[in-house]
Each structure stands twice: as structure tokens, then as C-alpha cells.
């Protein structure tokens, strides 16, 4: 996803804080759970 940092900032501004974040050679990841308890991951370069 392009603009990963912008997207993550927009989610945080809406009160959605990731449970964890990580970086590896393939990109950056922010991990959340939706209201139904499903895992949701935001990925970007």
C-alpha cells in the first residue's frame, strides 16, 4: 500500500490503534482486530 504512514495516521485519528506493528524486508505491518474479532493487517512499503 502506498502512503502507509498516512493511512496508519488516519486510522489512529479515528481512534483505531494497532495492537502491534512490525517491519521486515517486505514492508511494514500494523495489526488490528475488527469488531467481530477477525485479524486485520495493514501492509505497506
N, C-alpha and C. Protein backbone atom coordinates (compact mmCIF):
# COMPACT_ATOMS: atom_id res chain seq x y z
N UNK A 1 0.85 -1.17 0.00
CA UNK A 1 0.00 0.00 0.00
C UNK A 1 0.89 1.23 0.00
N UNK A 2 0.60 2.13 -0.89
CA UNK A 2 1.33 3.39 -0.89
C UNK A 2 0.77 4.25 0.23
N UNK A 3 1.58 5.16 0.71
CA UNK A 3 1.18 6.07 1.79
C UNK A 3 0.81 5.34 3.07
N UNK A 4 1.55 4.30 3.39
CA UNK A 4 1.29 3.51 4.60
C UNK A 4 1.21 4.40 5.84
N UNK A 5 2.17 5.27 6.00
CA UNK A 5 2.21 6.13 7.19
C UNK A 5 0.98 7.04 7.25
N UNK A 6 0.55 7.56 6.10
CA UNK A 6 -0.65 8.41 6.07
C UNK A 6 -1.89 7.62 6.43
N UNK A 7 -2.01 6.43 5.90
CA UNK A 7 -3.17 5.57 6.19
C UNK A 7 -3.21 5.20 7.67
N UNK A 8 -2.05 4.85 8.21
CA UNK A 8 -1.98 4.49 9.62
C UNK A 8 -2.33 5.69 10.49
N UNK A 9 -1.85 6.87 10.14
CA UNK A 9 -2.17 8.09 10.89
C UNK A 9 -3.67 8.39 10.82
N UNK A 10 -4.29 8.17 9.66
CA UNK A 10 -5.73 8.41 9.51
C UNK A 10 -6.53 7.45 10.40
N UNK A 11 -6.11 6.20 10.46
CA UNK A 11 -6.80 5.23 11.33
C UNK A 11 -6.64 5.62 12.79
N UNK A 12 -5.44 6.02 13.19
CA UNK A 12 -5.20 6.44 14.57
C UNK A 12 -6.04 7.66 14.92
N UNK A 13 -6.20 8.59 13.98
CA UNK A 13 -7.01 9.79 14.21
C UNK A 13 -8.48 9.44 14.45
N UNK A 14 -8.91 8.29 13.92
CA UNK A 14 -10.28 7.82 14.13
C UNK A 14 -10.40 6.93 15.36
N UNK A 15 -9.31 6.82 16.13
CA UNK A 15 -9.34 6.05 17.36
C UNK A 15 -8.98 4.58 17.19
N UNK A 16 -8.51 4.18 16.02
CA UNK A 16 -8.10 2.80 15.79
C UNK A 16 -6.60 2.67 15.95
N UNK A 17 -6.19 2.15 17.07
CA UNK A 17 -4.77 1.98 17.36
C UNK A 17 -4.37 0.53 17.11
N UNK A 18 -3.29 0.30 16.35
CA UNK A 18 -2.88 -1.08 16.10
C UNK A 18 -2.46 -1.77 17.40
N UNK A 19 -2.73 -3.06 17.46
CA UNK A 19 -2.30 -3.85 18.61
C UNK A 19 -0.80 -4.10 18.57
N UNK A 20 -0.26 -4.15 17.36
CA UNK A 20 1.19 -4.30 17.19
C UNK A 20 1.57 -3.80 15.81
N UNK A 21 2.84 -3.45 15.67
CA UNK A 21 3.40 -3.06 14.37
C UNK A 21 4.73 -3.77 14.21
N UNK A 22 5.14 -3.94 12.97
CA UNK A 22 6.43 -4.57 12.71
C UNK A 22 6.94 -4.14 11.34
N UNK A 23 8.24 -4.30 11.17
CA UNK A 23 8.88 -4.03 9.88
C UNK A 23 9.76 -5.22 9.54
N UNK A 24 9.80 -5.57 8.27
CA UNK A 24 10.72 -6.58 7.80
C UNK A 24 11.12 -6.21 6.37
N UNK A 25 11.93 -7.01 5.71
CA UNK A 25 12.39 -6.65 4.36
C UNK A 25 11.27 -6.48 3.33
N UNK A 26 10.08 -7.05 3.58
CA UNK A 26 8.99 -6.93 2.62
C UNK A 26 8.11 -5.71 2.86
N UNK A 27 8.24 -5.06 4.01
CA UNK A 27 7.44 -3.87 4.28
C UNK A 27 7.14 -3.66 5.75
N UNK A 28 6.09 -2.87 6.00
CA UNK A 28 5.66 -2.55 7.36
C UNK A 28 4.25 -3.10 7.56
N UNK A 29 3.95 -3.48 8.77
CA UNK A 29 2.66 -4.10 9.08
C UNK A 29 2.09 -3.50 10.36
N UNK A 30 0.78 -3.27 10.36
CA UNK A 30 0.05 -2.85 11.55
C UNK A 30 -1.09 -3.85 11.74
N UNK A 31 -1.19 -4.42 12.92
CA UNK A 31 -2.17 -5.49 13.19
C UNK A 31 -3.30 -4.97 14.08
N UNK A 32 -4.52 -5.25 13.65
CA UNK A 32 -5.73 -4.84 14.37
C UNK A 32 -6.67 -6.04 14.47
N UNK A 33 -7.75 -5.88 15.25
CA UNK A 33 -8.89 -6.81 15.23
C UNK A 33 -10.13 -5.98 14.93
N UNK A 34 -10.99 -6.49 14.04
CA UNK A 34 -12.23 -5.78 13.74
C UNK A 34 -13.25 -6.08 14.85
N UNK A 35 -14.42 -5.41 14.80
CA UNK A 35 -15.42 -5.62 15.86
C UNK A 35 -15.88 -7.07 16.03
N UNK A 36 -15.73 -7.88 14.98
CA UNK A 36 -16.11 -9.29 15.08
C UNK A 36 -14.96 -10.17 15.56
N UNK A 37 -13.80 -9.58 15.85
CA UNK A 37 -12.66 -10.34 16.34
C UNK A 37 -11.74 -10.89 15.27
N UNK A 38 -11.99 -10.53 14.00
CA UNK A 38 -11.14 -11.01 12.91
C UNK A 38 -9.82 -10.23 12.87
N UNK A 39 -8.75 -10.92 12.52
CA UNK A 39 -7.45 -10.26 12.36
C UNK A 39 -7.48 -9.42 11.08
N UNK A 40 -6.96 -8.20 11.20
CA UNK A 40 -6.85 -7.29 10.07
C UNK A 40 -5.42 -6.75 10.08
N UNK A 41 -4.74 -6.79 8.93
CA UNK A 41 -3.37 -6.30 8.84
C UNK A 41 -3.28 -5.26 7.75
N UNK A 42 -2.72 -4.11 8.10
CA UNK A 42 -2.42 -3.05 7.14
C UNK A 42 -0.96 -3.24 6.74
N UNK A 43 -0.71 -3.34 5.44
CA UNK A 43 0.65 -3.56 4.94
C UNK A 43 1.04 -2.41 4.02
N UNK A 44 2.30 -2.03 4.09
CA UNK A 44 2.80 -1.01 3.18
C UNK A 44 4.31 -1.10 3.08
N UNK A 45 4.84 -0.39 2.09
CA UNK A 45 6.29 -0.38 1.89
C UNK A 45 6.92 0.74 2.65
